Amino acid sequence: IVRLKDHVRLKPLEAVVRERVTNREISGLLPIVTELLTLRPDRPEVEKLKAQLEKRDADQLAARDAAYEKASECITGQKYAEAVATLNTVSPEVWNEQLEELKTKASDLLTQLNTLRDKIAVAVNANELRGLLPDVEACLHLKAYQDDLTQLKADLLQREAQIDARNQQIIAQAQQL
C-alpha cells in the first residue's frame, strides 16, 4: 500500500526517470531510481534499470582506475601527452582530485618539455649555442629518448672540449711569451 505522501512523490519521480531514460540522460539517475524503489519496491523494470545503472557506475569507476594506472605508467615512461590523452577519456561523473592532480602533473611536464624544445630550436636556428647545454640536459631529463637532442648534447660537449683545448693552447702560448 502506497501512502498518500509517498504517492504524491512517486508520480514526479516516475516522470523524471521516464524522461531521462528516453533522452538518455542517465548521469546521476541512480539515486532517483533508488528512491523510486524505496517508495514502491514491486517494480521489476525499475529493479532492472537500477541494476543497469549500478553496473554502469561500476564500469565507469573501473575505467577511471585503469586510466589512472595507465596515465601513471605513461608519466613514468615520460609519455606526457599520452598520459593527458588517457585521463581525458575518463567520464566527468567519476572524475576525482587524484585524477586532477595527475593530469596537472602530466600537463606541467609536457609544457616544460615543449617550452625547452622550443627554446632549444630557436637557439640552434640562430646558431646561439653558448650556454645551451643545461637546457638540452634538462630537456633530456624530462624525456630521455630524443635522438636529436642526444646528438645535439654530444655535439655541444665536443664543441666545449674543442673550445677548452683551444683556450688551454692560447693560455700556454701566452705564458711562454
Protein backbone atom coordinates (compact mmCIF):
# COMPACT_ATOMS: atom_id res chain seq x y z
CA ILE A 1 0.00 0.00 0.00
CA VAL A 2 1.45 3.32 -1.06
CA ARG A 3 0.82 6.10 1.44
CA LEU A 4 -0.64 9.33 0.07
CA LYS A 5 2.53 11.29 0.87
CA ASP A 6 4.62 8.70 -0.99
CA HIS A 7 2.13 8.61 -3.86
CA VAL A 8 2.47 12.38 -4.30
CA ARG A 9 6.27 11.94 -4.56
CA LEU A 10 6.03 8.79 -6.69
CA LYS A 11 4.47 10.32 -9.82
CA PRO A 12 7.07 13.08 -10.33
CA LEU A 13 9.90 10.59 -9.77
CA GLU A 14 8.42 8.23 -12.34
CA ALA A 15 8.10 11.13 -14.79
CA VAL A 16 11.72 12.20 -14.23
CA VAL A 17 13.01 8.65 -14.68
CA ARG A 18 10.92 8.08 -17.80
CA GLU A 19 12.00 11.39 -19.38
CA ARG A 20 15.70 10.98 -18.56
CA VAL A 21 15.81 7.39 -19.82
CA THR A 22 14.03 8.43 -23.02
CA ASN A 23 16.53 11.27 -23.53
CA ARG A 24 19.45 9.04 -22.48
CA GLU A 25 20.33 11.45 -19.67
CA ILE A 26 21.34 8.76 -17.21
CA SER A 27 24.09 10.61 -15.40
CA GLY A 28 23.09 10.89 -11.73
CA LEU A 29 19.90 8.88 -12.24
CA LEU A 30 20.75 6.08 -9.78
CA PRO A 31 19.73 7.97 -6.59
CA ILE A 32 16.37 8.85 -8.16
CA VAL A 33 15.76 5.23 -9.20
CA THR A 34 16.77 4.06 -5.73
CA GLU A 35 14.29 6.48 -4.14
CA LEU A 36 11.62 5.32 -6.56
CA LEU A 37 12.21 1.71 -5.50
CA THR A 38 12.11 2.70 -1.83
CA LEU A 39 8.67 4.21 -2.37
CA ARG A 40 7.43 1.30 -4.48
CA PRO A 41 9.69 -1.78 -4.46
CA ASP A 42 7.44 -4.06 -6.56
CA ARG A 43 8.66 -2.81 -9.94
CA PRO A 44 10.80 -5.33 -11.89
CA GLU A 45 11.54 -2.88 -14.72
CA VAL A 46 12.81 -0.30 -12.23
CA GLU A 47 14.89 -3.00 -10.47
CA LYS A 48 16.39 -3.87 -13.87
CA LEU A 49 17.15 -0.18 -14.55
CA LYS A 50 18.77 0.13 -11.13
CA ALA A 51 20.98 -2.91 -11.83
CA GLN A 52 21.99 -1.43 -15.20
CA LEU A 53 22.82 1.92 -13.62
CA GLU A 54 24.85 0.25 -10.86
CA LYS A 55 26.79 -1.73 -13.48
CA ARG A 56 27.38 1.46 -15.46
CA ASP A 57 28.71 3.24 -12.37
CA ALA A 58 30.97 0.28 -11.54
CA ASP A 59 32.25 0.17 -15.13
CA GLN A 60 33.00 3.89 -15.08
CA LEU A 61 34.90 3.57 -11.80
CA ALA A 62 36.89 0.64 -13.19
CA ALA A 63 37.66 2.64 -16.36
CA ARG A 64 38.74 5.61 -14.22
CA ASP A 65 41.06 3.46 -12.13
CA ALA A 66 42.52 1.81 -15.25
CA ALA A 67 43.07 5.24 -16.84
CA TYR A 68 44.82 6.44 -13.68
CA GLU A 69 47.15 3.43 -13.74
CA LYS A 70 47.89 3.82 -17.45
CA ALA A 71 48.48 7.58 -17.13
CA SER A 72 50.81 6.99 -14.17
CA GLU A 73 52.78 4.50 -16.27
CA CYS A 74 52.89 6.98 -19.14
CA ILE A 75 54.33 9.67 -16.86
CA THR A 76 56.92 7.23 -15.55
CA GLY A 77 57.75 6.40 -19.18
CA GLN A 78 57.98 10.14 -19.98
CA LYS A 79 54.96 9.98 -22.30
CA TYR A 80 53.20 13.07 -21.00
CA ALA A 81 50.88 13.76 -23.95
CA GLU A 82 49.67 10.16 -23.86
CA ALA A 83 49.03 10.50 -20.10
CA VAL A 84 46.90 13.62 -20.65
CA ALA A 85 45.01 11.95 -23.51
CA THR A 86 44.33 8.88 -21.36
CA LEU A 87 42.99 10.99 -18.50
CA ASN A 88 40.78 12.93 -20.90
CA THR A 89 38.89 9.69 -21.65
CA VAL A 90 37.57 9.48 -18.07
CA SER A 91 33.91 10.41 -17.62
CA PRO A 92 33.40 13.66 -15.70
CA GLU A 93 30.92 11.79 -13.49
CA VAL A 94 33.70 9.81 -11.81
CA TRP A 95 36.47 12.42 -12.00
CA ASN A 96 38.25 12.97 -8.71
CA GLU A 97 41.01 15.06 -7.15
CA GLN A 98 43.58 12.30 -7.65
CA LEU A 99 42.97 12.36 -11.42
CA GLU A 100 43.06 16.15 -11.45
CA GLU A 101 46.45 16.16 -9.70
CA LEU A 102 47.85 13.58 -12.11
CA LYS A 103 46.55 15.49 -15.12
CA THR A 104 48.06 18.71 -13.79
CA LYS A 105 51.40 16.97 -13.28
CA ALA A 106 51.39 15.47 -16.79
CA SER A 107 50.31 18.77 -18.35
CA ASP A 108 53.00 20.71 -16.48
CA LEU A 109 55.72 18.25 -17.53
CA LEU A 110 54.50 18.36 -21.14
CA THR A 111 54.53 22.16 -21.08
CA GLN A 112 58.06 22.22 -19.62
CA LEU A 113 59.24 19.76 -22.27
CA ASN A 114 57.69 21.70 -25.14
CA THR A 115 58.97 25.04 -23.80
CA LEU A 116 62.52 23.71 -23.55
CA ARG A 117 62.35 22.14 -27.02
CA ASP A 118 61.11 25.44 -28.47
CA LYS A 119 63.85 27.39 -26.69
CA ILE A 120 66.49 24.94 -27.94
CA ALA A 121 65.16 25.07 -31.50
CA VAL A 122 65.26 28.87 -31.52
CA ALA A 123 68.84 28.88 -30.19
CA VAL A 124 70.02 26.27 -32.69
CA ASN A 125 68.35 28.06 -35.62
CA ALA A 126 70.04 31.31 -34.56
CA ASN A 127 73.34 29.45 -34.05
CA GLU A 128 73.37 30.67 -30.42
CA LEU A 129 74.97 27.55 -28.93
CA ARG A 130 76.79 29.13 -25.98
CA GLY A 131 75.09 28.15 -22.70
CA LEU A 132 72.63 25.80 -24.40
CA LEU A 133 73.91 22.59 -22.80
CA PRO A 134 71.98 22.97 -19.47
CA ASP A 135 68.70 23.38 -21.37
CA VAL A 136 69.45 20.33 -23.52
CA GLU A 137 70.27 18.30 -20.42
CA ALA A 138 67.10 19.48 -18.66
CA CYS A 139 65.06 18.54 -21.73
CA LEU A 140 66.69 15.11 -21.87
CA HIS A 141 65.95 14.67 -18.17
CA LEU A 142 62.24 15.27 -18.87
CA LYS A 143 62.30 12.90 -21.85
CA ALA A 144 65.37 10.76 -22.23
CA TYR A 145 64.82 9.29 -25.68
CA GLN A 146 65.13 12.23 -28.04
CA ASP A 147 67.70 11.29 -30.62
CA ASP A 148 68.03 14.82 -31.98
CA LEU A 149 68.81 16.23 -28.54
CA THR A 150 71.12 13.36 -27.64
CA GLN A 151 73.13 14.18 -30.77
CA LEU A 152 73.00 17.90 -30.01
CA LYS A 153 74.30 17.23 -26.49
CA ALA A 154 77.20 15.21 -27.90
CA ASP A 155 77.94 17.99 -30.40
CA LEU A 156 77.82 20.64 -27.66
CA LEU A 157 80.12 18.63 -25.41
CA GLN A 158 82.56 18.15 -28.27
CA ARG A 159 82.35 21.86 -29.08
CA GLU A 160 83.07 22.78 -25.46
CA ALA A 161 86.03 20.38 -25.37
CA GLN A 162 87.44 21.97 -28.53
CA ILE A 163 86.97 25.46 -27.09
CA ASP A 164 88.63 24.39 -23.83
CA ALA A 165 91.56 22.82 -25.72
CA ARG A 166 91.98 25.96 -27.82
CA ASN A 167 91.81 28.16 -24.72
CA GLN A 168 94.44 25.99 -22.98
CA GLN A 169 96.64 26.33 -26.04
CA ILE A 170 96.23 30.12 -26.05
CA ILE A 171 96.95 30.28 -22.32
CA ALA A 172 100.08 28.15 -22.74
CA GLN A 173 101.30 30.39 -25.57
CA ALA A 174 100.59 33.48 -23.52
CA GLN A 175 102.54 32.08 -20.58
CA GLN A 176 105.52 31.32 -22.83
CA LEU A 177 105.52 34.85 -24.11
